[in-house]
């Protein structure tokens, strides 16, 4: 074993010398390319060392050979390709290739900008000025929402203001995405916004702050001599469970008799978030859902003393996916809640993320979730107990036939 390890060290040292020689020959090397090559050499050492430790002392020569081939291909292409190539971009392509090979639509490589937008969404917060803007066909950009007591509101920005400049730079020919990027920035930095209001230009200086994205909305509906609570969840972000608990307790102070949870169009989010939300309703020791990995299935039980016993209905549709389906099936099978709407999306796969040094993120599947009764909804979705189509006439008449059905079910005995 010691001889094999020494041989491996010699091989890695040789590779390192090859890399340094290669760098010296290529005078046009950028600093990032040098770092990239040093990192990939280090990775070989860690990976091969791991093979030695975890394979009961036997060196997996197949893995060693494949890694050597990857290293040799990387250096050969970088050195011999007829056009200049960025080493960092070549490494990114290698990572993308690994994810692409999986053939899984939920396993993806996200570049820095995409990863930033994704993280803001699932973390439920971003650094900015707490506003929403819209761009019209003529290019005009207008503030359609200004968060009460948010940075922009406190500085003087109001709904209806037309944005003209950001830090003195005209945004006339910029896209909405470009303007949003200009407005956002580092926490506690300032941005100057020039706006048009009542034909008068005004400039305000706004200090950027962390802004919570509201993902839960609560209201009380008086129906058939009952007070029915309605909680609408747009995404299961990391702060959604806290918002949900706050809104739920506010509704209960209004002495609601029953509850509707609306996850229509909710594409999912963190499994831990939906677990926290379910714990408010399901008895301790009851199954919330199951998790399936390569070699086992684990039942996830409620561990809290908290529970409810009033009637619940869950509204779903084809846009209800992943964590939304976990919520709906768990409340249906364990809590015996009503489910109303149309068949759900059918996403049973669970992903994890890994951040890369270049700001990008990879997301890949590592588990599948099953309902409390062990059903896999992947590719099928959940058909609600009460199938109600949302008609075009509903929108025209400001009517919600699915909500109406849920209200009828919850108050039918009154």
Protein backbone atom coordinates (compact mmCIF):
# COMPACT_ATOMS: atom_id res chain seq x y z
CA UNK A 1 0.00 0.00 0.00
CA UNK A 2 2.83 2.39 0.91
CA UNK A 3 4.54 1.69 -2.43
CA UNK A 4 1.30 2.49 -4.28
CA UNK A 5 0.88 5.73 -2.37
CA UNK A 6 4.46 6.80 -3.11
CA UNK A 7 3.95 5.94 -6.75
CA UNK A 8 0.80 8.05 -6.79
CA UNK A 9 2.66 10.98 -5.21
CA UNK A 10 5.34 10.72 -7.88
CA UNK A 11 2.66 10.69 -10.55
CA UNK A 12 0.95 13.80 -9.13
CA UNK A 13 4.28 15.61 -8.78
CA UNK A 14 5.00 14.75 -12.37
CA UNK A 15 1.64 16.16 -13.42
CA UNK A 16 2.34 19.33 -11.46
CA UNK A 17 5.70 19.74 -13.19
CA UNK A 18 3.98 19.20 -16.55
CA UNK A 19 1.50 21.93 -15.65
CA UNK A 20 4.23 24.39 -14.64
CA UNK A 21 6.23 23.64 -17.77
CA UNK A 22 3.08 24.07 -19.84
CA UNK A 23 2.39 27.43 -18.17
CA UNK A 24 5.95 28.64 -18.85
CA UNK A 25 5.65 27.73 -22.53
CA UNK A 26 2.41 29.64 -22.95
CA UNK A 27 3.34 33.24 -22.23
CA UNK A 28 -0.19 34.45 -22.95
CA UNK A 29 -1.60 32.66 -19.90
CA UNK A 30 -3.90 34.79 -17.75
CA UNK A 31 -3.84 34.66 -13.99
CA UNK A 32 -7.21 32.85 -13.95
CA UNK A 33 -5.90 30.16 -16.30
CA UNK A 34 -2.92 29.57 -14.03
CA UNK A 35 -5.19 29.26 -11.02
CA UNK A 36 -7.55 26.96 -12.93
CA UNK A 37 -4.76 24.57 -13.83
CA UNK A 38 -3.38 24.54 -10.29
CA UNK A 39 -6.86 23.84 -8.92
CA UNK A 40 -7.53 20.96 -11.29
CA UNK A 41 -4.21 19.38 -10.33
CA UNK A 42 -5.13 19.69 -6.66
CA UNK A 43 -8.51 18.13 -7.37
CA UNK A 44 -6.80 15.07 -8.84
CA UNK A 45 -4.80 14.73 -5.64
CA UNK A 46 -7.90 14.96 -3.44
CA UNK A 47 -9.97 12.62 -5.58
CA UNK A 48 -7.29 9.98 -5.91
CA UNK A 49 -6.46 10.28 -2.21
CA UNK A 50 -10.16 9.72 -1.47
CA UNK A 51 -10.12 6.58 -3.58
CA UNK A 52 -7.21 5.25 -1.55
CA UNK A 53 -8.94 5.93 1.76
CA UNK A 54 -12.39 4.63 0.96
CA UNK A 55 -11.65 1.63 -1.22
CA UNK A 56 -10.07 -0.46 1.53
CA UNK A 57 -6.56 0.31 0.40
CA UNK A 58 -6.99 -0.65 -3.25
CA UNK A 59 -6.37 1.98 -5.91
CA UNK A 60 -9.20 2.26 -8.40
CA UNK A 61 -7.13 2.41 -11.54
CA UNK A 62 -10.19 2.97 -13.71
CA UNK A 63 -11.00 6.23 -11.93
CA UNK A 64 -7.34 7.24 -12.00
CA UNK A 65 -7.20 6.61 -15.74
CA UNK A 66 -10.38 8.60 -16.44
CA UNK A 67 -9.19 11.56 -14.38
CA UNK A 68 -5.84 11.53 -16.14
CA UNK A 69 -7.66 11.49 -19.47
CA UNK A 70 -9.74 14.48 -18.40
CA UNK A 71 -6.63 16.37 -17.29
CA UNK A 72 -4.73 15.52 -20.47
CA UNK A 73 -7.67 16.51 -22.67
CA UNK A 74 -8.03 19.81 -20.84
CA UNK A 75 -4.33 20.74 -21.17
CA UNK A 76 -4.04 19.46 -24.74
CA UNK A 77 -7.05 21.39 -26.01
CA UNK A 78 -6.06 24.51 -24.11
CA UNK A 79 -2.54 24.36 -25.60
CA UNK A 80 -3.16 23.07 -29.13
CA UNK A 81 -6.57 24.38 -30.21
CA UNK A 82 -6.08 26.75 -33.13
CA UNK A 83 -7.81 29.67 -31.36
CA UNK A 84 -7.26 31.13 -27.89
CA UNK A 85 -9.49 29.56 -25.22
CA UNK A 86 -10.17 30.76 -21.68
CA UNK A 87 -9.17 28.08 -19.18
CA UNK A 88 -12.02 29.00 -16.84
CA UNK A 89 -14.59 28.70 -19.64
CA UNK A 90 -13.19 25.30 -20.59
CA UNK A 91 -13.56 24.10 -17.01
CA UNK A 92 -17.14 25.42 -16.92
CA UNK A 93 -17.87 23.43 -20.06
CA UNK A 94 -16.56 20.30 -18.35
CA UNK A 95 -18.89 20.81 -15.37
CA UNK A 96 -21.82 21.50 -17.71
CA UNK A 97 -21.02 18.28 -19.54
CA UNK A 98 -21.22 16.26 -16.31
CA UNK A 99 -24.64 17.72 -15.47
CA UNK A 100 -25.89 17.35 -19.06
CA UNK A 101 -24.90 13.67 -19.10
CA UNK A 102 -27.45 12.97 -16.33
CA UNK A 103 -30.29 13.61 -18.78
CA UNK A 104 -32.41 15.00 -15.92
CA UNK A 105 -34.41 18.18 -16.62
CA UNK A 106 -34.14 19.13 -12.93
CA UNK A 107 -30.35 18.81 -12.81
CA UNK A 108 -28.92 21.99 -14.28
CA UNK A 109 -25.91 24.30 -14.44
CA UNK A 110 -26.78 27.93 -13.64
CA UNK A 111 -24.41 30.74 -14.57
CA UNK A 112 -23.73 33.52 -12.07
CA UNK A 113 -26.67 35.76 -13.06
CA UNK A 114 -29.13 32.86 -13.19
CA UNK A 115 -27.85 31.52 -9.87
CA UNK A 116 -28.22 34.95 -8.24
CA UNK A 117 -31.84 35.24 -9.40
CA UNK A 118 -32.56 31.67 -8.30
CA UNK A 119 -31.03 32.21 -4.84
CA UNK A 120 -32.96 35.43 -4.33
CA UNK A 121 -36.19 33.61 -5.12
CA UNK A 122 -35.66 30.56 -2.89
CA UNK A 123 -34.05 32.53 -0.06
CA UNK A 124 -36.95 34.96 -0.06
CA UNK A 125 -34.79 38.06 0.11
CA UNK A 126 -32.63 40.32 -2.02
CA UNK A 127 -30.60 43.50 -1.66
CA UNK A 128 -32.39 46.39 -3.30
CA UNK A 129 -34.88 49.20 -2.70
CA UNK A 130 -38.16 47.24 -2.29
CA UNK A 131 -39.94 48.23 -5.50
CA UNK A 132 -41.47 46.61 -8.57
CA UNK A 133 -41.16 48.17 -12.01
CA UNK A 134 -42.79 47.51 -15.37
CA UNK A 135 -41.66 48.43 -18.87
CA UNK A 136 -44.26 49.44 -21.45
CA UNK A 137 -44.05 48.97 -25.20
CA UNK A 138 -42.77 52.50 -25.70
CA UNK A 139 -39.84 51.69 -23.37
CA UNK A 140 -41.12 53.73 -20.44
CA UNK A 141 -40.32 52.22 -17.05
CA UNK A 142 -42.73 52.90 -14.20
CA UNK A 143 -42.82 51.99 -10.50
CA UNK A 144 -45.90 49.79 -9.96
CA UNK A 145 -45.17 48.88 -6.34
CA UNK A 146 -43.21 50.68 -3.63
CA UNK A 147 -42.93 48.75 -0.38
CA UNK A 148 -44.40 50.62 2.57
CA UNK A 149 -41.59 51.71 4.91
CA UNK A 150 -39.07 50.28 2.41
CA UNK A 151 -35.90 52.15 1.31
CA UNK A 152 -37.46 53.66 -1.83
CA UNK A 153 -40.62 54.83 -0.05
CA UNK A 154 -38.67 56.42 2.78
CA UNK A 155 -36.50 58.23 0.23
CA UNK A 156 -39.55 59.66 -1.59
CA UNK A 157 -40.25 57.28 -4.50
CA UNK A 158 -43.97 56.66 -5.15
CA UNK A 159 -46.14 54.36 -7.28
CA UNK A 160 -46.59 55.89 -10.74
CA UNK A 161 -43.19 57.59 -10.85
CA UNK A 162 -41.44 57.11 -14.20
CA UNK A 163 -37.76 56.18 -13.96
CA UNK A 164 -35.46 58.27 -16.16
CA UNK A 165 -31.91 57.79 -14.86
CA UNK A 166 -29.92 55.56 -12.50
CA UNK A 167 -26.85 57.26 -11.02
CA UNK A 168 -27.13 59.93 -13.70
CA UNK A 169 -27.16 57.44 -16.59
CA UNK A 170 -30.19 57.46 -18.89
CA UNK A 171 -32.07 54.15 -19.02
CA UNK A 172 -34.01 55.04 -22.19
CA UNK A 173 -32.71 52.17 -24.34
CA UNK A 174 -32.09 49.63 -21.58
CA UNK A 175 -34.11 46.48 -20.92
CA UNK A 176 -36.04 45.88 -17.71
CA UNK A 177 -33.44 43.30 -16.62
CA UNK A 178 -30.60 45.74 -17.21
CA UNK A 179 -32.34 48.46 -15.22
CA UNK A 180 -33.06 46.09 -12.33
CA UNK A 181 -29.37 45.16 -12.21
CA UNK A 182 -28.41 48.83 -12.04
CA UNK A 183 -30.82 49.52 -9.21
CA UNK A 184 -29.69 46.53 -7.15
CA UNK A 185 -26.26 46.43 -5.54
CA UNK A 186 -24.36 45.84 -2.34
CA UNK A 187 -26.12 46.27 0.99
CA UNK A 188 -25.87 49.78 2.53
CA UNK A 189 -24.63 51.36 -0.71
CA UNK A 190 -26.60 54.22 -2.28
CA UNK A 191 -28.16 54.71 -5.69
CA UNK A 192 -29.48 57.95 -7.22
CA UNK A 193 -32.78 57.65 -9.06
CA UNK A 194 -34.07 60.40 -11.33
CA UNK A 195 -37.83 60.15 -11.85
CA UNK A 196 -40.59 62.02 -13.63
CA UNK A 197 -43.70 62.96 -11.62
CA UNK A 198 -46.38 65.36 -12.87
CA UNK A 199 -44.03 66.54 -15.66
CA UNK A 200 -41.37 67.44 -13.09
CA UNK A 201 -38.00 65.70 -12.74
CA UNK A 202 -36.87 64.78 -9.25
CA UNK A 203 -33.76 62.96 -8.01
CA UNK A 204 -33.74 60.83 -4.88
CA UNK A 205 -30.86 59.04 -3.18
CA UNK A 206 -31.87 55.59 -1.92
CA UNK A 207 -29.90 53.35 0.44
CA UNK A 208 -30.01 49.68 -0.57
CA UNK A 209 -31.18 47.24 2.11
CA UNK A 210 -32.08 43.59 2.42
CA UNK A 211 -35.68 43.17 1.37
CA UNK A 212 -37.90 40.25 2.35
CA UNK A 213 -40.00 38.83 -0.48
CA UNK A 214 -43.55 38.27 0.77
CA UNK A 215 -44.63 34.75 -0.24
CA UNK A 216 -47.69 34.30 2.01
CA UNK A 217 -50.90 36.33 1.95
CA UNK A 218 -53.74 35.86 4.44
CA UNK A 219 -57.35 37.00 4.51
CA UNK A 220 -60.67 36.13 6.15
CA UNK A 221 -63.70 35.28 3.99
CA UNK A 222 -67.19 35.54 5.49
CA UNK A 223 -69.20 32.75 3.86
CA UNK A 224 -72.39 30.89 4.89
CA UNK A 225 -72.28 32.38 8.38
CA UNK A 226 -68.70 31.15 8.83
CA UNK A 227 -65.29 32.76 8.93
CA UNK A 228 -62.98 30.91 6.55
CA UNK A 229 -59.28 31.70 6.53
CA UNK A 230 -57.45 31.85 3.20
CA UNK A 231 -53.65 31.53 3.00
CA UNK A 232 -52.07 31.87 -0.43
CA UNK A 233 -48.49 30.62 -0.78
CA UNK A 234 -46.56 31.69 -3.91
CA UNK A 235 -43.32 29.77 -3.20
CA UNK A 236 -41.76 27.72 -0.39
CA UNK A 237 -38.76 29.98 0.24
CA UNK A 238 -36.51 29.82 3.29
CA UNK A 239 -38.56 32.52 5.06
CA UNK A 240 -42.01 31.28 3.97
CA UNK A 241 -42.61 29.13 7.07
CA UNK A 242 -42.11 32.16 9.34
CA UNK A 243 -44.48 34.25 7.24
CA UNK A 244 -47.00 31.40 7.18
CA UNK A 245 -47.01 31.04 10.95
CA UNK A 246 -47.49 34.79 11.40
CA UNK A 247 -50.41 34.92 8.94
CA UNK A 248 -52.00 31.75 10.36
CA UNK A 249 -52.00 33.10 13.92
CA UNK A 250 -53.43 36.40 12.68
CA UNK A 251 -56.32 34.52 11.03
CA UNK A 252 -56.92 32.45 14.15
CA UNK A 253 -57.19 35.65 16.20
CA UNK A 254 -60.07 36.49 13.87
CA UNK A 255 -61.66 33.21 15.08
CA UNK A 256 -61.78 31.39 11.76
CA UNK A 257 -63.79 28.13 11.61
CA UNK A 258 -61.81 26.51 8.80
CA UNK A 259 -58.89 27.15 6.43
CA UNK A 260 -58.12 27.14 2.71
CA UNK A 261 -54.48 26.88 1.59
CA UNK A 262 -53.99 28.01 -2.01
CA UNK A 263 -50.88 26.65 -3.77
CA UNK A 264 -52.14 27.07 -7.34
CA UNK A 265 -49.24 28.08 -9.58
CA UNK A 266 -46.73 27.43 -6.77
CA UNK A 267 -43.78 25.61 -8.38
CA UNK A 268 -42.25 24.48 -5.06
CA UNK A 269 -39.17 25.36 -3.05
CA UNK A 270 -37.49 24.05 0.08
CA UNK A 271 -38.68 20.70 1.46
CA UNK A 272 -37.69 21.85 4.96
CA UNK A 273 -40.10 24.79 4.60
CA UNK A 274 -43.11 22.63 3.74
CA UNK A 275 -42.13 20.32 6.62
CA UNK A 276 -42.32 23.26 9.05
CA UNK A 277 -45.70 24.32 7.66
CA UNK A 278 -47.16 20.81 7.89
CA UNK A 279 -46.03 20.56 11.52
CA UNK A 280 -48.67 23.16 12.50
CA UNK A 281 -51.47 20.77 11.56
CA UNK A 282 -50.42 17.11 11.76
CA UNK A 283 -50.22 15.18 15.02
CA UNK A 284 -46.87 14.25 16.50
CA UNK A 285 -45.72 10.84 15.24
CA UNK A 286 -47.82 10.94 12.04
CA UNK A 287 -46.07 10.52 8.64
CA UNK A 288 -45.57 13.74 6.69
CA UNK A 289 -44.00 12.14 3.59
CA UNK A 290 -41.32 9.61 2.62
CA UNK A 291 -37.88 10.09 1.08
CA UNK A 292 -36.36 7.60 -1.33
CA UNK A 293 -32.61 7.45 -1.99
CA UNK A 294 -30.51 4.92 -3.89
CA UNK A 295 -30.80 2.18 -1.32
CA UNK A 296 -33.53 3.05 1.20
CA UNK A 297 -36.89 4.67 1.89
CA UNK A 298 -37.20 6.81 5.02
CA UNK A 299 -40.47 7.91 6.58
CA UNK A 300 -40.47 11.51 7.79
CA UNK A 301 -42.58 11.95 10.93
CA UNK A 302 -43.95 15.06 12.59
CA UNK A 303 -41.91 15.78 15.72
CA UNK A 304 -43.83 18.72 17.17
CA UNK A 305 -46.60 18.89 19.77
CA UNK A 306 -48.54 21.44 17.72
CA UNK A 307 -51.66 20.38 15.80
CA UNK A 308 -55.03 21.64 14.52
CA UNK A 309 -58.37 19.93 14.07
CA UNK A 310 -60.48 22.34 12.01
CA UNK A 311 -61.39 21.59 8.40
CA UNK A 312 -58.84 22.36 5.69
CA UNK A 313 -59.10 22.51 1.89
CA UNK A 314 -56.10 22.79 -0.44
CA UNK A 315 -56.43 24.45 -3.86
CA UNK A 316 -54.17 23.01 -6.60
CA UNK A 317 -53.70 23.10 -10.37
CA UNK A 318 -51.21 22.10 -13.07
CA UNK A 319 -48.76 24.71 -11.80
CA UNK A 320 -48.66 23.20 -8.31
CA UNK A 321 -45.41 21.24 -8.22
CA UNK A 322 -42.87 19.64 -5.91
CA UNK A 323 -43.23 21.11 -2.38
CA UNK A 324 -46.79 22.17 -3.24
CA UNK A 325 -47.61 18.56 -4.01
CA UNK A 326 -45.95 17.43 -0.77
CA UNK A 327 -48.18 19.82 1.16
CA UNK A 328 -51.37 18.80 -0.66
CA UNK A 329 -50.82 15.03 -0.46
CA UNK A 330 -49.70 15.11 3.17
CA UNK A 331 -52.74 17.11 4.27
CA UNK A 332 -54.97 14.89 2.14
CA UNK A 333 -53.65 11.50 3.29
CA UNK A 334 -52.71 12.26 6.89
CA UNK A 335 -54.90 15.20 7.93
CA UNK A 336 -57.87 14.19 5.68
CA UNK A 337 -58.08 17.64 4.12
CA UNK A 338 -60.15 18.32 0.99
CA UNK A 339 -58.24 18.86 -2.26
CA UNK A 340 -59.86 20.99 -4.97
CA UNK A 341 -58.84 22.05 -8.47
CA UNK A 342 -57.08 20.22 -11.29
CA UNK A 343 -54.35 17.58 -11.50
CA UNK A 344 -50.98 18.78 -10.23
CA UNK A 345 -47.66 18.95 -12.11
CA UNK A 346 -46.12 15.65 -10.98
CA UNK A 347 -42.58 16.44 -9.78
CA UNK A 348 -41.30 13.87 -7.30
CA UNK A 349 -37.57 14.58 -7.54
CA UNK A 350 -35.66 16.48 -4.85
CA UNK A 351 -32.58 18.55 -5.72
CA UNK A 352 -29.58 19.84 -3.82
CA UNK A 353 -27.32 22.71 -4.90
CA UNK A 354 -23.59 23.29 -4.89
CA UNK A 355 -22.04 26.73 -5.39
CA UNK A 356 -18.96 26.99 -7.61
CA UNK A 357 -16.04 29.37 -7.23
CA UNK A 358 -17.00 31.34 -10.36
CA UNK A 359 -20.38 32.32 -8.88
CA UNK A 360 -22.27 29.64 -10.78
CA UNK A 361 -24.36 26.92 -9.12
CA UNK A 362 -25.13 23.32 -10.03
CA UNK A 363 -28.44 21.78 -9.02
CA UNK A 364 -28.88 18.02 -9.22
CA UNK A 365 -31.34 15.36 -8.09
CA UNK A 366 -30.37 13.24 -5.10
CA UNK A 367 -33.73 12.01 -3.74
CA UNK A 368 -37.35 11.33 -4.58
CA UNK A 369 -40.24 12.08 -2.26
CA UNK A 370 -43.27 9.83 -1.80
CA UNK A 371 -46.64 10.58 -0.24
CA UNK A 372 -47.35 9.39 3.34
CA UNK A 373 -48.98 6.29 1.82
CA UNK A 374 -45.89 5.60 -0.31
CA UNK A 375 -47.24 6.85 -3.65
CA UNK A 376 -44.88 8.29 -6.27
CA UNK A 377 -46.49 11.13 -8.21
CA UNK A 378 -43.57 11.60 -10.63
CA UNK A 379 -44.88 12.31 -14.13
CA UNK A 380 -48.47 11.73 -13.00
CA UNK A 381 -49.36 14.38 -10.48
CA UNK A 382 -52.10 14.26 -7.88
CA UNK A 383 -55.70 14.27 -9.02
CA UNK A 384 -57.66 16.28 -6.45
CA UNK A 385 -60.63 14.75 -4.70
CA UNK A 386 -62.85 17.41 -6.24
CA UNK A 387 -61.88 18.22 -9.83
CA UNK A 388 -62.99 21.73 -10.76
CA UNK A 389 -61.79 23.43 -13.92
CA UNK A 390 -60.96 27.14 -13.78
CA UNK A 391 -62.87 28.62 -16.71
CA UNK A 392 -62.05 31.65 -18.81
CA UNK A 393 -65.39 33.10 -17.76
CA UNK A 394 -64.16 33.05 -14.15
CA UNK A 395 -61.54 35.67 -14.97
CA UNK A 396 -63.96 37.74 -17.02
CA UNK A 397 -66.51 37.80 -14.21
CA UNK A 398 -63.92 38.05 -11.39
CA UNK A 399 -65.19 34.70 -10.14
CA UNK A 400 -63.21 31.75 -8.78
CA UNK A 401 -65.10 28.48 -9.20
CA UNK A 402 -62.37 26.46 -7.44
CA UNK A 403 -62.37 28.74 -4.40
CA UNK A 404 -66.18 28.64 -4.38
CA UNK A 405 -66.13 24.81 -4.27
CA UNK A 406 -63.69 24.84 -1.35
CA UNK A 407 -65.85 27.31 0.54
CA UNK A 408 -68.93 25.14 -0.03
CA UNK A 409 -67.12 22.02 1.26
CA UNK A 410 -65.86 23.74 4.41
CA UNK A 411 -69.20 25.31 5.32
CA UNK A 412 -71.70 22.71 4.08
CA UNK A 413 -72.70 21.58 7.60
CA UNK A 414 -73.35 25.10 8.88
